[in-house]
Protein backbone atom coordinates (compact mmCIF):
# COMPACT_ATOMS: atom_id res chain seq x y z
CA UNK A 1 6.86 -23.62 -17.69
CA UNK A 2 4.83 -23.54 -14.61
CA UNK A 3 1.12 -23.07 -14.25
CA UNK A 4 0.18 -19.82 -12.45
CA UNK A 5 -2.00 -20.37 -9.26
CA UNK A 6 -3.48 -17.26 -7.25
CA UNK A 7 -0.61 -17.59 -4.87
CA UNK A 8 1.86 -17.18 -7.60
CA UNK A 9 -0.28 -13.97 -9.07
CA UNK A 10 -0.41 -12.40 -5.60
CA UNK A 11 3.09 -12.90 -4.96
CA UNK A 12 3.88 -10.90 -8.20
CA UNK A 13 1.93 -7.93 -7.09
CA UNK A 14 -0.85 -8.59 -9.69
CA UNK A 15 -4.63 -8.90 -8.69
CA UNK A 16 -5.18 -12.68 -8.03
CA UNK A 17 -7.90 -15.13 -7.06
CA UNK A 18 -6.26 -15.18 -3.35
CA UNK A 19 -5.77 -11.57 -2.76
CA UNK A 20 -6.84 -10.46 0.54
CA UNK A 21 -7.92 -7.39 1.89
CA UNK A 22 -5.80 -8.34 5.01
CA UNK A 23 -2.33 -6.46 4.88
CA UNK A 24 -0.45 -8.58 7.47
CA UNK A 25 -2.73 -11.89 8.44
CA UNK A 26 -2.49 -12.68 12.38
CA UNK A 27 -0.74 -15.47 13.37
CA UNK A 28 -3.46 -18.08 14.00
CA UNK A 29 -1.27 -21.35 13.90
CA UNK A 30 -1.06 -21.21 17.87
CA UNK A 31 -4.88 -21.68 18.11
CA UNK A 32 -5.19 -24.76 16.11
CA UNK A 33 -4.25 -28.04 17.79
CA UNK A 34 -3.43 -30.74 15.40
CA UNK A 35 -6.12 -33.23 17.50
CA UNK A 36 -8.97 -31.11 16.28
CA UNK A 37 -11.03 -31.09 13.21
CA UNK A 38 -10.75 -28.05 10.89
CA UNK A 39 -14.33 -27.53 11.30
CA UNK A 40 -14.22 -27.37 15.29
CA UNK A 41 -11.38 -24.85 15.24
CA UNK A 42 -13.09 -22.50 12.89
CA UNK A 43 -16.26 -22.94 15.00
CA UNK A 44 -14.03 -22.15 18.23
CA UNK A 45 -12.17 -19.07 16.08
CA UNK A 46 -15.66 -17.66 14.88
CA UNK A 47 -16.98 -17.71 18.64
CA UNK A 48 -13.64 -16.41 19.82
CA UNK A 49 -13.12 -13.49 17.27
CA UNK A 50 -16.48 -12.97 15.82
CA UNK A 51 -14.95 -13.42 12.05
CA UNK A 52 -16.95 -15.47 9.66
CA UNK A 53 -15.87 -18.89 8.35
CA UNK A 54 -15.03 -17.17 5.10
CA UNK A 55 -12.59 -14.99 6.68
CA UNK A 56 -10.91 -17.69 8.50
CA UNK A 57 -10.54 -19.69 5.59
CA UNK A 58 -9.02 -16.44 3.63
CA UNK A 59 -6.61 -15.77 6.83
CA UNK A 60 -5.48 -19.75 6.54
CA UNK A 61 -4.78 -19.19 2.86
CA UNK A 62 -2.60 -16.28 3.24
CA UNK A 63 -0.71 -18.14 6.34
CA UNK A 64 -0.22 -20.96 3.83
CA UNK A 65 0.92 -18.27 1.28
CA UNK A 66 3.35 -16.94 3.79
CA UNK A 67 4.86 -20.62 4.78
CA UNK A 68 5.32 -21.35 1.22
CA UNK A 69 6.94 -18.05 0.29
CA UNK A 70 9.26 -18.27 3.61
CA UNK A 71 10.15 -21.82 2.73
CA UNK A 72 11.28 -20.89 -0.98
CA UNK A 73 13.53 -18.08 0.05
């Protein structure tokens, strides 16, 4: 028996903790360098795109969810 996470719930099409208002999250991986801190990346992206840090966190969670879904297929 597996524990239901926010990602699992969203994957089943139900309303879940991490449901996003973004239908197709943009690819943010290319703008992140492993040598910089997450905080520095978020500051840079906020200045570049005007998105809030909360929006960036949601986008990052969506990317994580998609990468896990792709790997399990």
